[in-house]
Amino acid sequence: MTQIYFLGNMRIVDVSTPKIKEYIQKRLNEGFANATINRELAALKRMLNLGARQTPSKVIHIPYIPSLKEDNAHEGFFEYGEFLALQDKLPSYLKGFVTFAYKTGWRVS
């Protein structure tokens, strides 16, 4: 479950771009990946947008929420032929699991 830690007891009208930037820096200092922080910010943005769409509106102003650059380079993919060669060498009880993992893109991490 994603948690937006910086909100705490903060009123929604006090959420601002500088506060969001402070939060981003705090999370970076704690060692979190850009992608993790972006998912948290996406949840915040969604909450604010949903609040703005209520009648009466619960959110009057949605601050600018910056996104961090993500490095989505994937490594270590099996080509289909490599997958088939691996599957041939597996015991039967692992074939279904490995096939599922291959087709859904599961990774060790």
N, C-alpha and C. Protein backbone atom coordinates (compact mmCIF):
# COMPACT_ATOMS: atom_id res chain seq x y z
N MET A 1 0.84 -1.18 0.00
CA MET A 1 0.00 0.00 0.00
C MET A 1 0.88 1.24 0.00
N THR A 2 0.60 2.16 -0.90
CA THR A 2 1.36 3.40 -0.97
C THR A 2 0.89 4.35 0.12
N GLN A 3 1.84 4.95 0.81
CA GLN A 3 1.50 5.91 1.85
C GLN A 3 2.16 7.24 1.52
N ILE A 4 1.43 8.31 1.68
CA ILE A 4 1.97 9.65 1.47
C ILE A 4 2.31 10.18 2.86
N TYR A 5 3.55 9.98 3.26
CA TYR A 5 3.96 10.28 4.63
C TYR A 5 3.93 11.77 4.95
N PHE A 6 4.23 12.63 4.00
CA PHE A 6 4.39 14.03 4.35
C PHE A 6 3.07 14.69 4.69
N LEU A 7 1.95 14.14 4.28
CA LEU A 7 0.67 14.78 4.56
C LEU A 7 0.37 14.79 6.05
N GLY A 8 0.58 13.66 6.72
CA GLY A 8 0.34 13.61 8.16
C GLY A 8 -0.92 14.33 8.56
N ASN A 9 -0.80 15.35 9.37
CA ASN A 9 -1.94 16.15 9.82
C ASN A 9 -2.10 17.42 9.00
N MET A 10 -1.38 17.52 7.89
CA MET A 10 -1.43 18.72 7.06
C MET A 10 -2.80 18.85 6.40
N ARG A 11 -3.34 20.05 6.43
CA ARG A 11 -4.59 20.32 5.73
C ARG A 11 -4.31 20.36 4.23
N ILE A 12 -5.28 19.95 3.45
CA ILE A 12 -5.08 19.86 2.01
C ILE A 12 -4.77 21.23 1.41
N VAL A 13 -5.29 22.31 1.99
CA VAL A 13 -5.01 23.64 1.46
C VAL A 13 -3.56 24.05 1.69
N ASP A 14 -2.86 23.35 2.59
CA ASP A 14 -1.46 23.66 2.87
C ASP A 14 -0.49 22.87 1.98
N VAL A 15 -1.01 21.94 1.19
CA VAL A 15 -0.17 21.18 0.27
C VAL A 15 0.21 22.11 -0.88
N SER A 16 1.50 22.27 -1.09
CA SER A 16 1.99 23.19 -2.13
C SER A 16 3.16 22.54 -2.86
N THR A 17 3.52 23.12 -3.99
CA THR A 17 4.66 22.60 -4.76
C THR A 17 5.94 22.61 -3.92
N PRO A 18 6.26 23.67 -3.16
CA PRO A 18 7.47 23.61 -2.33
C PRO A 18 7.41 22.47 -1.30
N LYS A 19 6.24 22.22 -0.70
CA LYS A 19 6.11 21.12 0.27
C LYS A 19 6.31 19.78 -0.42
N ILE A 20 5.81 19.65 -1.63
CA ILE A 20 5.96 18.42 -2.39
C ILE A 20 7.43 18.21 -2.74
N LYS A 21 8.12 19.27 -3.11
CA LYS A 21 9.56 19.17 -3.42
C LYS A 21 10.36 18.78 -2.18
N GLU A 22 9.97 19.30 -1.01
CA GLU A 22 10.61 18.89 0.25
C GLU A 22 10.41 17.39 0.47
N TYR A 23 9.21 16.93 0.23
CA TYR A 23 8.89 15.51 0.39
C TYR A 23 9.74 14.65 -0.55
N ILE A 24 9.84 15.10 -1.80
CA ILE A 24 10.66 14.36 -2.78
C ILE A 24 12.09 14.25 -2.29
N GLN A 25 12.66 15.35 -1.83
CA GLN A 25 14.05 15.34 -1.36
C GLN A 25 14.21 14.43 -0.14
N LYS A 26 13.24 14.46 0.76
CA LYS A 26 13.27 13.60 1.95
C LYS A 26 13.28 12.13 1.54
N ARG A 27 12.41 11.76 0.59
CA ARG A 27 12.33 10.37 0.16
C ARG A 27 13.61 9.95 -0.58
N LEU A 28 14.18 10.85 -1.38
CA LEU A 28 15.44 10.55 -2.06
C LEU A 28 16.55 10.33 -1.03
N ASN A 29 16.59 11.16 0.01
CA ASN A 29 17.59 11.02 1.06
C ASN A 29 17.42 9.71 1.83
N GLU A 30 16.20 9.21 1.89
CA GLU A 30 15.93 7.94 2.56
C GLU A 30 16.29 6.74 1.67
N GLY A 31 16.67 7.01 0.42
CA GLY A 31 17.14 5.94 -0.46
C GLY A 31 16.07 5.34 -1.36
N PHE A 32 14.92 5.96 -1.45
CA PHE A 32 13.86 5.41 -2.30
C PHE A 32 14.13 5.74 -3.76
N ALA A 33 13.72 4.83 -4.64
CA ALA A 33 13.92 4.99 -6.08
C ALA A 33 12.97 6.03 -6.64
N ASN A 34 13.38 6.66 -7.74
CA ASN A 34 12.54 7.65 -8.40
C ASN A 34 11.17 7.07 -8.74
N ALA A 35 11.14 5.83 -9.22
CA ALA A 35 9.87 5.21 -9.60
C ALA A 35 8.94 5.08 -8.39
N THR A 36 9.48 4.73 -7.24
CA THR A 36 8.68 4.59 -6.02
C THR A 36 8.08 5.94 -5.64
N ILE A 37 8.91 6.97 -5.68
CA ILE A 37 8.44 8.32 -5.32
C ILE A 37 7.39 8.78 -6.32
N ASN A 38 7.59 8.52 -7.60
CA ASN A 38 6.61 8.91 -8.61
C ASN A 38 5.27 8.22 -8.38
N ARG A 39 5.27 6.95 -7.96
CA ARG A 39 4.00 6.26 -7.67
C ARG A 39 3.29 6.90 -6.49
N GLU A 40 4.08 7.30 -5.48
CA GLU A 40 3.48 7.99 -4.33
C GLU A 40 2.87 9.32 -4.75
N LEU A 41 3.58 10.05 -5.58
CA LEU A 41 3.09 11.35 -6.05
C LEU A 41 1.87 11.18 -6.95
N ALA A 42 1.84 10.09 -7.72
CA ALA A 42 0.68 9.81 -8.56
C ALA A 42 -0.55 9.57 -7.68
N ALA A 43 -0.37 8.89 -6.55
CA ALA A 43 -1.49 8.66 -5.63
C ALA A 43 -1.98 9.99 -5.06
N LEU A 44 -1.04 10.86 -4.70
CA LEU A 44 -1.41 12.18 -4.18
C LEU A 44 -2.18 12.97 -5.24
N LYS A 45 -1.67 12.97 -6.46
CA LYS A 45 -2.32 13.69 -7.55
C LYS A 45 -3.73 13.17 -7.77
N ARG A 46 -3.88 11.84 -7.71
CA ARG A 46 -5.20 11.23 -7.90
C ARG A 46 -6.16 11.66 -6.78
N MET A 47 -5.66 11.66 -5.54
CA MET A 47 -6.50 12.08 -4.41
C MET A 47 -6.97 13.52 -4.59
N LEU A 48 -6.05 14.38 -4.98
CA LEU A 48 -6.40 15.79 -5.18
C LEU A 48 -7.43 15.95 -6.30
N ASN A 49 -7.22 15.23 -7.40
CA ASN A 49 -8.15 15.32 -8.53
C ASN A 49 -9.53 14.79 -8.15
N LEU A 50 -9.59 13.71 -7.40
CA LEU A 50 -10.88 13.19 -6.95
C LEU A 50 -11.58 14.18 -6.02
N GLY A 51 -10.80 14.81 -5.14
CA GLY A 51 -11.37 15.82 -4.25
C GLY A 51 -11.91 17.01 -5.01
N ALA A 52 -11.24 17.38 -6.09
CA ALA A 52 -11.68 18.52 -6.88
C ALA A 52 -12.96 18.21 -7.66
N ARG A 53 -13.20 16.94 -7.95
CA ARG A 53 -14.37 16.55 -8.74
C ARG A 53 -15.63 16.35 -7.91
N GLN A 54 -15.53 16.49 -6.60
CA GLN A 54 -16.70 16.31 -5.73
C GLN A 54 -17.62 17.51 -5.80
N THR A 55 -18.88 17.29 -5.45
CA THR A 55 -19.84 18.38 -5.37
C THR A 55 -20.38 18.42 -3.95
N PRO A 56 -20.10 19.44 -3.18
CA PRO A 56 -19.22 20.56 -3.50
C PRO A 56 -17.76 20.11 -3.50
N SER A 57 -16.94 20.87 -4.20
CA SER A 57 -15.52 20.55 -4.34
C SER A 57 -14.82 20.54 -2.98
N LYS A 58 -14.04 19.51 -2.74
CA LYS A 58 -13.26 19.40 -1.50
C LYS A 58 -11.86 19.98 -1.68
N VAL A 59 -11.44 20.17 -2.92
CA VAL A 59 -10.12 20.72 -3.25
C VAL A 59 -10.33 21.84 -4.25
N ILE A 60 -9.88 23.02 -3.91
CA ILE A 60 -10.05 24.18 -4.79
C ILE A 60 -8.90 24.31 -5.77
N HIS A 61 -7.67 24.10 -5.27
CA HIS A 61 -6.47 24.31 -6.08
C HIS A 61 -5.59 23.06 -6.01
N ILE A 62 -5.18 22.57 -7.17
CA ILE A 62 -4.27 21.43 -7.23
C ILE A 62 -2.89 21.97 -7.59
N PRO A 63 -1.91 21.83 -6.68
CA PRO A 63 -0.58 22.36 -6.96
C PRO A 63 0.13 21.54 -8.05
N TYR A 64 1.12 22.15 -8.65
CA TYR A 64 1.96 21.44 -9.61
C TYR A 64 2.72 20.36 -8.84
N ILE A 65 2.67 19.14 -9.35
CA ILE A 65 3.37 18.02 -8.73
C ILE A 65 4.40 17.51 -9.73
N PRO A 66 5.69 17.80 -9.49
CA PRO A 66 6.73 17.38 -10.45
C PRO A 66 6.94 15.86 -10.40
N SER A 67 7.43 15.32 -11.48
CA SER A 67 7.79 13.90 -11.56
C SER A 67 9.29 13.78 -11.72
N LEU A 68 9.83 12.72 -11.18
CA LEU A 68 11.25 12.44 -11.32
C LEU A 68 11.49 11.59 -12.55
N LYS A 69 12.66 11.72 -13.13
CA LYS A 69 13.02 10.91 -14.28
C LYS A 69 13.25 9.48 -13.81
N GLU A 70 12.71 8.53 -14.56
CA GLU A 70 12.86 7.12 -14.23
C GLU A 70 13.74 6.43 -15.27
N ASP A 71 14.59 5.55 -14.79
CA ASP A 71 15.41 4.73 -15.68
C ASP A 71 14.77 3.36 -15.73
N ASN A 72 14.03 3.13 -16.81
CA ASN A 72 13.28 1.88 -16.93
C ASN A 72 13.97 0.84 -17.80
N ALA A 73 15.28 0.93 -17.91
CA ALA A 73 16.00 -0.03 -18.74
C ALA A 73 15.92 -1.41 -18.09
N HIS A 74 15.42 -2.36 -18.84
CA HIS A 74 15.30 -3.73 -18.35
C HIS A 74 16.45 -4.55 -18.91
N GLU A 75 16.96 -5.43 -18.10
CA GLU A 75 18.05 -6.30 -18.53
C GLU A 75 17.69 -7.74 -18.21
N GLY A 76 18.32 -8.66 -18.93
CA GLY A 76 18.21 -10.06 -18.59
C GLY A 76 16.98 -10.76 -19.13
N PHE A 77 16.39 -10.26 -20.21
CA PHE A 77 15.22 -10.92 -20.76
C PHE A 77 15.63 -12.16 -21.51
N PHE A 78 14.80 -13.18 -21.43
CA PHE A 78 14.98 -14.39 -22.22
C PHE A 78 14.36 -14.16 -23.58
N GLU A 79 15.05 -14.59 -24.61
CA GLU A 79 14.41 -14.70 -25.91
C GLU A 79 13.56 -15.96 -25.87
N TYR A 80 12.60 -16.06 -26.76
CA TYR A 80 11.68 -17.19 -26.72
C TYR A 80 12.40 -18.53 -26.84
N GLY A 81 13.39 -18.59 -27.71
CA GLY A 81 14.15 -19.83 -27.88
C GLY A 81 14.90 -20.22 -26.60
N GLU A 82 15.44 -19.22 -25.91
CA GLU A 82 16.13 -19.48 -24.64
C GLU A 82 15.15 -19.99 -23.58
N PHE A 83 13.95 -19.41 -23.58
CA PHE A 83 12.92 -19.87 -22.64
C PHE A 83 12.57 -21.33 -22.91
N LEU A 84 12.39 -21.69 -24.18
CA LEU A 84 12.04 -23.06 -24.52
C LEU A 84 13.15 -24.03 -24.11
N ALA A 85 14.41 -23.62 -24.32
CA ALA A 85 15.53 -24.48 -23.92
C ALA A 85 15.55 -24.68 -22.41
N LEU A 86 15.30 -23.63 -21.65
CA LEU A 86 15.23 -23.75 -20.20
C LEU A 86 14.08 -24.64 -19.78
N GLN A 87 12.93 -24.43 -20.38
CA GLN A 87 11.74 -25.20 -20.02
C GLN A 87 11.95 -26.70 -20.26
N ASP A 88 12.67 -27.05 -21.30
CA ASP A 88 12.95 -28.46 -21.59
C ASP A 88 13.79 -29.11 -20.50
N LYS A 89 14.62 -28.33 -19.81
CA LYS A 89 15.52 -28.87 -18.79
C LYS A 89 14.91 -28.86 -17.39
N LEU A 90 13.74 -28.23 -17.24
CA LEU A 90 13.12 -28.13 -15.92
C LEU A 90 12.35 -29.38 -15.55
N PRO A 91 12.29 -29.69 -14.25
CA PRO A 91 11.40 -30.77 -13.82
C PRO A 91 9.95 -30.36 -14.07
N SER A 92 9.07 -31.31 -14.25
CA SER A 92 7.68 -31.01 -14.63
C SER A 92 6.96 -30.13 -13.61
N TYR A 93 7.28 -30.26 -12.31
CA TYR A 93 6.57 -29.48 -11.30
C TYR A 93 6.92 -27.98 -11.37
N LEU A 94 8.00 -27.60 -12.05
CA LEU A 94 8.37 -26.19 -12.18
C LEU A 94 7.93 -25.56 -13.50
N LYS A 95 7.59 -26.37 -14.48
CA LYS A 95 7.29 -25.85 -15.81
C LYS A 95 6.13 -24.85 -15.82
N GLY A 96 5.07 -25.14 -15.12
CA GLY A 96 3.92 -24.24 -15.09
C GLY A 96 4.28 -22.91 -14.45
N PHE A 97 4.99 -22.96 -13.33
CA PHE A 97 5.39 -21.74 -12.63
C PHE A 97 6.31 -20.89 -13.50
N VAL A 98 7.31 -21.51 -14.10
CA VAL A 98 8.27 -20.76 -14.93
C VAL A 98 7.59 -20.20 -16.17
N THR A 99 6.66 -20.95 -16.74
CA THR A 99 5.91 -20.45 -17.90
C THR A 99 5.09 -19.23 -17.51
N PHE A 100 4.43 -19.30 -16.36
CA PHE A 100 3.66 -18.16 -15.87
C PHE A 100 4.58 -16.96 -15.65
N ALA A 101 5.72 -17.18 -15.01
CA ALA A 101 6.66 -16.09 -14.75
C ALA A 101 7.15 -15.47 -16.05
N TYR A 102 7.46 -16.29 -17.02
CA TYR A 102 7.94 -15.79 -18.32
C TYR A 102 6.87 -14.96 -19.02
N LYS A 103 5.65 -15.46 -19.06
CA LYS A 103 4.59 -14.78 -19.81
C LYS A 103 4.10 -13.51 -19.13
N THR A 104 4.26 -13.42 -17.82
CA THR A 104 3.80 -12.23 -17.11
C THR A 104 4.94 -11.24 -16.81
N GLY A 105 6.17 -11.62 -17.14
CA GLY A 105 7.30 -10.71 -16.94
C GLY A 105 7.78 -10.62 -15.51
N TRP A 106 7.54 -11.64 -14.72
CA TRP A 106 8.01 -11.63 -13.33
C TRP A 106 9.52 -11.56 -13.28
N ARG A 107 10.01 -10.83 -12.26
CA ARG A 107 11.44 -10.72 -12.02
C ARG A 107 11.72 -11.14 -10.61
N VAL A 108 12.98 -11.43 -10.32
CA VAL A 108 13.38 -11.83 -8.98
C VAL A 108 13.09 -10.72 -7.99
N SER A 109 13.33 -9.47 -8.40
CA SER A 109 13.12 -8.33 -7.49
C SER A 109 11.67 -8.03 -7.33
